[in-house]
Each structure stands twice: as C-alpha cells, then as structure tokens.
Amino acid sequence: MLLPGCVRRKLVITSETTGALVFLNDEEVGRTPLEVPFTWYGTYDVRLEKPGYAPLWTTAQADAPWWDRPGPDLLAEAGPDRLVEIPWHFEMSPATPAGEVDPDTLLDYARQMRELNQRD
C-alpha cells in the first residue's frame, strides 16, 4: 500500500566562526552549526552575533526545488518522504575594539589635517 509521504525542509546554517548566535526574521534559532526546519520559501532576514566579532546583518534566499513548486508538489507530497536541505554559510569579521583605529587610517587622517592647516 502506498502511504503518502511529506516534504521535510531544513536550513543548514554554518559560519566561519562556529558558535555564532543566529536569528532568522528576528527570532533566535540557535548557534552555528545548526539545522532549522522551515515551512516557506523566500527571503529571510539573517543576523549572526558572537562576542569578539562584528554582528552580521544580511538576507538569504530559500529557493524551492522544481518538484516542490505548485503543480509538481502534489506528486511530491504523494510520494515517499523527500528532504529539501538549503545550505547557508556566513563569514564573520573580527570586531574592532571601540576607539581603536587602523594605524594607516590614522596616518592618512593626520596628513589630511596637516595639509588643511598649512593652507590656512
């Protein structure tokens, strides 16, 4: 007897620094690496946070495979269990401590100020 299956959908989220706290559409979902079940395709707001790293705010797309679009999805739902895994990988940058400035940027700023003062 053919039993109807279902389509299982999950986001597989990883980051260059593991252990980052992940928010999807402003809802905390866990720490990387993680797998999160989802029900709808489309664009998600993604935020990653980890002490010592700059927070990352971005968007990511969850696109449906051809067989899970309106029409073919009826056949997919009637068949055996199917799995949609959408991998997202994010790279976080180390945070710059408050008040710390890159030395080259500081020297460039000093040169510009010197030029301004010499014109006056």
N, C-alpha and C. Protein backbone atom coordinates (compact mmCIF):
# COMPACT_ATOMS: atom_id res chain seq x y z
N MET A 1 0.85 -1.18 0.00
CA MET A 1 0.00 0.00 0.00
C MET A 1 0.89 1.24 0.00
N LEU A 2 0.57 2.16 -0.85
CA LEU A 2 1.35 3.38 -0.97
C LEU A 2 0.87 4.39 0.07
N LEU A 3 1.73 4.67 1.02
CA LEU A 3 1.40 5.67 2.04
C LEU A 3 1.92 7.03 1.60
N PRO A 4 1.11 8.06 1.72
CA PRO A 4 1.60 9.38 1.33
C PRO A 4 2.73 9.83 2.25
N GLY A 5 3.70 10.47 1.64
CA GLY A 5 4.83 10.99 2.40
C GLY A 5 4.67 12.47 2.64
N CYS A 6 5.76 13.10 2.94
CA CYS A 6 5.72 14.54 3.13
C CYS A 6 7.07 15.10 2.73
N VAL A 7 7.10 16.38 2.53
CA VAL A 7 8.35 17.06 2.20
C VAL A 7 8.87 17.69 3.48
N ARG A 8 10.06 17.30 3.87
CA ARG A 8 10.72 17.92 5.03
C ARG A 8 11.69 18.95 4.50
N ARG A 9 11.66 20.14 5.09
CA ARG A 9 12.50 21.25 4.66
C ARG A 9 13.35 21.71 5.83
N LYS A 10 14.66 21.90 5.57
CA LYS A 10 15.51 22.44 6.63
C LYS A 10 16.61 23.31 6.06
N LEU A 11 16.94 24.33 6.83
CA LEU A 11 18.07 25.21 6.52
C LEU A 11 19.26 24.66 7.29
N VAL A 12 20.38 24.53 6.63
CA VAL A 12 21.61 24.10 7.26
C VAL A 12 22.52 25.33 7.31
N ILE A 13 22.69 25.89 8.52
CA ILE A 13 23.39 27.17 8.67
C ILE A 13 24.74 26.94 9.34
N THR A 14 25.79 27.41 8.66
CA THR A 14 27.15 27.34 9.21
C THR A 14 27.77 28.73 9.14
N SER A 15 28.83 28.92 9.91
CA SER A 15 29.55 30.19 9.86
C SER A 15 31.03 29.93 10.00
N GLU A 16 31.83 30.88 9.52
CA GLU A 16 33.28 30.74 9.56
C GLU A 16 33.79 30.64 10.99
N THR A 17 33.17 31.36 11.89
CA THR A 17 33.45 31.15 13.31
C THR A 17 32.27 30.40 13.90
N THR A 18 32.52 29.18 14.38
CA THR A 18 31.41 28.40 14.90
C THR A 18 30.91 28.99 16.22
N GLY A 19 29.70 28.66 16.58
CA GLY A 19 29.13 29.12 17.83
C GLY A 19 28.46 30.48 17.76
N ALA A 20 28.28 31.00 16.54
CA ALA A 20 27.60 32.29 16.40
C ALA A 20 26.10 32.11 16.66
N LEU A 21 25.51 33.05 17.37
CA LEU A 21 24.08 33.03 17.65
C LEU A 21 23.34 33.51 16.40
N VAL A 22 22.34 32.73 15.96
CA VAL A 22 21.64 33.00 14.71
C VAL A 22 20.21 33.44 14.99
N PHE A 23 19.79 34.50 14.31
CA PHE A 23 18.42 34.99 14.34
C PHE A 23 17.88 34.94 12.92
N LEU A 24 16.71 34.34 12.73
CA LEU A 24 16.01 34.37 11.44
C LEU A 24 14.75 35.19 11.62
N ASN A 25 14.63 36.24 10.84
CA ASN A 25 13.49 37.16 10.94
C ASN A 25 13.28 37.59 12.38
N ASP A 26 14.37 37.96 13.04
CA ASP A 26 14.40 38.46 14.42
C ASP A 26 13.99 37.43 15.46
N GLU A 27 14.02 36.15 15.11
CA GLU A 27 13.73 35.09 16.08
C GLU A 27 14.99 34.25 16.29
N GLU A 28 15.42 34.13 17.53
CA GLU A 28 16.61 33.35 17.83
C GLU A 28 16.34 31.88 17.54
N VAL A 29 17.26 31.25 16.77
CA VAL A 29 17.05 29.85 16.40
C VAL A 29 18.17 28.92 16.87
N GLY A 30 19.29 29.47 17.35
CA GLY A 30 20.36 28.61 17.85
C GLY A 30 21.73 29.12 17.48
N ARG A 31 22.73 28.27 17.68
CA ARG A 31 24.13 28.60 17.39
C ARG A 31 24.67 27.72 16.28
N THR A 32 25.54 28.30 15.47
CA THR A 32 26.13 27.56 14.35
C THR A 32 27.12 26.53 14.85
N PRO A 33 27.21 25.40 14.15
CA PRO A 33 26.37 24.97 13.02
C PRO A 33 25.03 24.45 13.52
N LEU A 34 23.99 24.67 12.73
CA LEU A 34 22.67 24.20 13.13
C LEU A 34 21.79 23.91 11.94
N GLU A 35 20.77 23.13 12.18
CA GLU A 35 19.74 22.83 11.19
C GLU A 35 18.41 23.32 11.73
N VAL A 36 17.68 24.06 10.88
CA VAL A 36 16.42 24.65 11.29
C VAL A 36 15.33 24.24 10.31
N PRO A 37 14.26 23.61 10.79
CA PRO A 37 13.15 23.30 9.87
C PRO A 37 12.45 24.59 9.45
N PHE A 38 11.95 24.60 8.21
CA PHE A 38 11.20 25.77 7.76
C PHE A 38 10.02 25.31 6.92
N THR A 39 9.04 26.19 6.76
CA THR A 39 7.83 25.81 6.02
C THR A 39 7.63 26.61 4.74
N TRP A 40 8.25 27.78 4.61
CA TRP A 40 8.02 28.58 3.42
C TRP A 40 9.34 29.00 2.77
N TYR A 41 9.28 29.08 1.45
CA TYR A 41 10.43 29.52 0.66
C TYR A 41 10.38 31.03 0.54
N GLY A 42 11.53 31.63 0.28
CA GLY A 42 11.58 33.07 0.10
C GLY A 42 12.83 33.65 0.73
N THR A 43 12.77 34.94 1.00
CA THR A 43 13.90 35.66 1.56
C THR A 43 13.76 35.76 3.07
N TYR A 44 14.85 35.47 3.76
CA TYR A 44 14.89 35.53 5.22
C TYR A 44 15.87 36.62 5.66
N ASP A 45 15.52 37.35 6.70
CA ASP A 45 16.46 38.26 7.35
C ASP A 45 17.31 37.41 8.28
N VAL A 46 18.62 37.56 8.18
CA VAL A 46 19.54 36.74 8.98
C VAL A 46 20.46 37.66 9.77
N ARG A 47 20.62 37.34 11.04
CA ARG A 47 21.56 38.09 11.90
C ARG A 47 22.40 37.07 12.66
N LEU A 48 23.72 37.29 12.68
CA LEU A 48 24.62 36.44 13.45
C LEU A 48 25.38 37.32 14.43
N GLU A 49 25.53 36.84 15.65
CA GLU A 49 26.24 37.58 16.69
C GLU A 49 27.16 36.63 17.45
N LYS A 50 28.35 37.12 17.76
CA LYS A 50 29.28 36.37 18.60
C LYS A 50 30.25 37.37 19.21
N PRO A 51 30.50 37.26 20.53
CA PRO A 51 31.45 38.17 21.16
C PRO A 51 32.81 38.13 20.45
N GLY A 52 33.37 39.30 20.23
CA GLY A 52 34.66 39.41 19.56
C GLY A 52 34.55 39.54 18.06
N TYR A 53 33.32 39.47 17.53
CA TYR A 53 33.09 39.57 16.09
C TYR A 53 32.04 40.63 15.82
N ALA A 54 32.19 41.30 14.67
CA ALA A 54 31.19 42.29 14.27
C ALA A 54 29.88 41.57 13.96
N PRO A 55 28.75 42.10 14.45
CA PRO A 55 27.46 41.47 14.11
C PRO A 55 27.26 41.48 12.60
N LEU A 56 26.64 40.46 12.08
CA LEU A 56 26.40 40.34 10.65
C LEU A 56 24.90 40.38 10.41
N TRP A 57 24.45 41.37 9.65
CA TRP A 57 23.04 41.50 9.25
C TRP A 57 23.00 41.33 7.75
N THR A 58 22.20 40.38 7.29
CA THR A 58 22.11 40.13 5.85
C THR A 58 20.78 39.45 5.54
N THR A 59 20.58 39.08 4.29
CA THR A 59 19.42 38.29 3.90
C THR A 59 19.92 37.04 3.19
N ALA A 60 19.11 36.00 3.18
CA ALA A 60 19.44 34.77 2.47
C ALA A 60 18.17 34.25 1.83
N GLN A 61 18.36 33.57 0.73
CA GLN A 61 17.24 33.09 -0.07
C GLN A 61 17.07 31.59 0.09
N ALA A 62 15.84 31.16 0.28
CA ALA A 62 15.49 29.74 0.30
C ALA A 62 14.63 29.48 -0.94
N ASP A 63 15.24 28.90 -1.96
CA ASP A 63 14.53 28.63 -3.21
C ASP A 63 14.01 27.21 -3.24
N ALA A 64 12.81 27.05 -3.78
CA ALA A 64 12.18 25.73 -3.88
C ALA A 64 12.80 24.94 -5.02
N PRO A 65 13.02 23.64 -4.83
CA PRO A 65 13.42 22.81 -5.97
C PRO A 65 12.25 22.70 -6.94
N TRP A 66 12.53 22.31 -8.17
CA TRP A 66 11.48 22.28 -9.20
C TRP A 66 10.29 21.41 -8.79
N TRP A 67 10.56 20.32 -8.10
CA TRP A 67 9.49 19.40 -7.77
C TRP A 67 8.65 19.84 -6.56
N ASP A 68 9.07 20.94 -5.90
CA ASP A 68 8.30 21.42 -4.74
C ASP A 68 7.63 22.76 -5.05
N ARG A 69 7.34 22.98 -6.32
CA ARG A 69 6.63 24.19 -6.74
C ARG A 69 5.18 23.82 -7.04
N PRO A 70 4.31 24.80 -7.08
CA PRO A 70 2.89 24.48 -7.34
C PRO A 70 2.73 23.64 -8.61
N GLY A 71 1.99 22.57 -8.48
CA GLY A 71 1.79 21.63 -9.58
C GLY A 71 2.53 20.33 -9.26
N PRO A 72 3.86 20.30 -9.52
CA PRO A 72 4.62 19.09 -9.21
C PRO A 72 4.61 18.75 -7.71
N ASP A 73 4.36 19.74 -6.85
CA ASP A 73 4.40 19.46 -5.41
C ASP A 73 3.32 18.47 -4.99
N LEU A 74 2.20 18.40 -5.73
CA LEU A 74 1.16 17.42 -5.40
C LEU A 74 1.69 16.00 -5.54
N LEU A 75 2.47 15.77 -6.59
CA LEU A 75 3.07 14.45 -6.78
C LEU A 75 4.14 14.19 -5.72
N ALA A 76 4.92 15.21 -5.37
CA ALA A 76 5.96 15.05 -4.35
C ALA A 76 5.35 14.71 -3.00
N GLU A 77 4.23 15.32 -2.69
CA GLU A 77 3.57 15.06 -1.41
C GLU A 77 3.00 13.64 -1.38
N ALA A 78 2.61 13.10 -2.53
CA ALA A 78 2.03 11.76 -2.58
C ALA A 78 3.09 10.67 -2.57
N GLY A 79 4.31 11.02 -2.93
CA GLY A 79 5.39 10.04 -2.98
C GLY A 79 6.03 9.83 -1.63
N PRO A 80 7.16 9.09 -1.64
CA PRO A 80 7.86 8.86 -0.37
C PRO A 80 8.43 10.16 0.19
N ASP A 81 8.82 10.10 1.45
CA ASP A 81 9.39 11.29 2.10
C ASP A 81 10.49 11.91 1.26
N ARG A 82 10.47 13.20 1.17
CA ARG A 82 11.52 13.94 0.47
C ARG A 82 12.10 14.97 1.44
N LEU A 83 13.35 15.27 1.19
CA LEU A 83 14.05 16.23 2.05
C LEU A 83 14.64 17.34 1.21
N VAL A 84 14.38 18.58 1.61
CA VAL A 84 14.99 19.74 0.99
C VAL A 84 15.94 20.33 2.02
N GLU A 85 17.22 20.34 1.71
CA GLU A 85 18.23 20.97 2.57
C GLU A 85 18.80 22.16 1.83
N ILE A 86 18.71 23.32 2.45
CA ILE A 86 19.26 24.53 1.85
C ILE A 86 20.43 24.98 2.71
N PRO A 87 21.66 24.92 2.15
CA PRO A 87 22.83 25.30 2.93
C PRO A 87 23.11 26.81 2.84
N TRP A 88 23.32 27.42 3.98
CA TRP A 88 23.75 28.82 4.06
C TRP A 88 25.03 28.87 4.86
N HIS A 89 26.04 29.55 4.34
CA HIS A 89 27.30 29.72 5.06
C HIS A 89 27.60 31.22 5.15
N PHE A 90 28.00 31.66 6.33
CA PHE A 90 28.29 33.08 6.56
C PHE A 90 29.69 33.23 7.16
N GLU A 91 30.37 34.29 6.77
CA GLU A 91 31.68 34.59 7.33
C GLU A 91 31.58 35.86 8.15
N MET A 92 32.05 35.77 9.38
CA MET A 92 32.00 36.91 10.29
C MET A 92 33.40 37.53 10.38
N SER A 93 33.45 38.84 10.57
CA SER A 93 34.72 39.56 10.70
C SER A 93 34.99 39.86 12.16
N PRO A 94 36.26 39.79 12.56
CA PRO A 94 36.59 40.18 13.94
C PRO A 94 36.18 41.62 14.20
N ALA A 95 35.71 41.88 15.38
CA ALA A 95 35.29 43.24 15.75
C ALA A 95 36.50 44.11 16.02
N THR A 96 36.38 45.37 15.72
CA THR A 96 37.40 46.35 16.06
C THR A 96 37.03 46.93 17.42
N PRO A 97 37.91 46.83 18.40
CA PRO A 97 37.57 47.39 19.72
C PRO A 97 37.18 48.85 19.61
N ALA A 98 36.25 49.28 20.45
CA ALA A 98 35.78 50.66 20.43
C ALA A 98 36.95 51.61 20.61
N GLY A 99 37.01 52.60 19.75
CA GLY A 99 38.05 53.61 19.86
C GLY A 99 39.34 53.22 19.15
N GLU A 100 39.49 51.98 18.73
CA GLU A 100 40.71 51.56 18.06
C GLU A 100 40.60 51.91 16.58
N VAL A 101 41.66 52.48 16.03
CA VAL A 101 41.68 52.90 14.64
C VAL A 101 42.86 52.23 13.96
N ASP A 102 42.65 51.83 12.72
CA ASP A 102 43.73 51.25 11.92
C ASP A 102 44.86 52.29 11.80
N PRO A 103 46.13 51.92 12.06
CA PRO A 103 47.24 52.88 12.02
C PRO A 103 47.35 53.60 10.68
N ASP A 104 47.15 52.92 9.57
CA ASP A 104 47.24 53.57 8.25
C ASP A 104 46.15 54.62 8.08
N THR A 105 44.96 54.32 8.57
CA THR A 105 43.86 55.28 8.50
C THR A 105 44.19 56.50 9.35
N LEU A 106 44.76 56.29 10.53
CA LEU A 106 45.12 57.40 11.41
C LEU A 106 46.20 58.27 10.78
N LEU A 107 47.22 57.67 10.16
CA LEU A 107 48.27 58.45 9.50
C LEU A 107 47.72 59.25 8.32
N ASP A 108 46.83 58.65 7.56
CA ASP A 108 46.21 59.35 6.44
C ASP A 108 45.41 60.55 6.93
N TYR A 109 44.67 60.36 8.02
CA TYR A 109 43.90 61.46 8.60
C TYR A 109 44.84 62.57 9.09
N ALA A 110 45.96 62.22 9.69
CA ALA A 110 46.92 63.22 10.17
C ALA A 110 47.50 64.02 8.99
N ARG A 111 47.82 63.34 7.89
CA ARG A 111 48.34 64.04 6.70
C ARG A 111 47.30 65.03 6.16
N GLN A 112 46.05 64.60 6.11
CA GLN A 112 45.00 65.49 5.62
C GLN A 112 44.85 66.71 6.52
N MET A 113 44.92 66.51 7.83
CA MET A 113 44.82 67.65 8.76
C MET A 113 46.00 68.59 8.60
N ARG A 114 47.20 68.05 8.42
CA ARG A 114 48.39 68.87 8.24
C ARG A 114 48.24 69.73 7.00
N GLU A 115 47.75 69.11 5.88
CA GLU A 115 47.55 69.86 4.64
C GLU A 115 46.53 70.97 4.83
N LEU A 116 45.46 70.71 5.54
CA LEU A 116 44.46 71.73 5.82
C LEU A 116 45.04 72.88 6.62
N ASN A 117 45.85 72.57 7.64
CA ASN A 117 46.45 73.61 8.48
C ASN A 117 47.48 74.43 7.72
N GLN A 118 48.18 73.82 6.78
CA GLN A 118 49.18 74.56 6.00
C GLN A 118 48.52 75.51 5.01
N ARG A 119 47.34 75.23 4.58
CA ARG A 119 46.61 76.11 3.65
C ARG A 119 46.12 77.38 4.37
N ASP A 120 45.82 77.26 5.64
CA ASP A 120 45.25 78.40 6.38
C ASP A 120 46.28 79.41 6.70
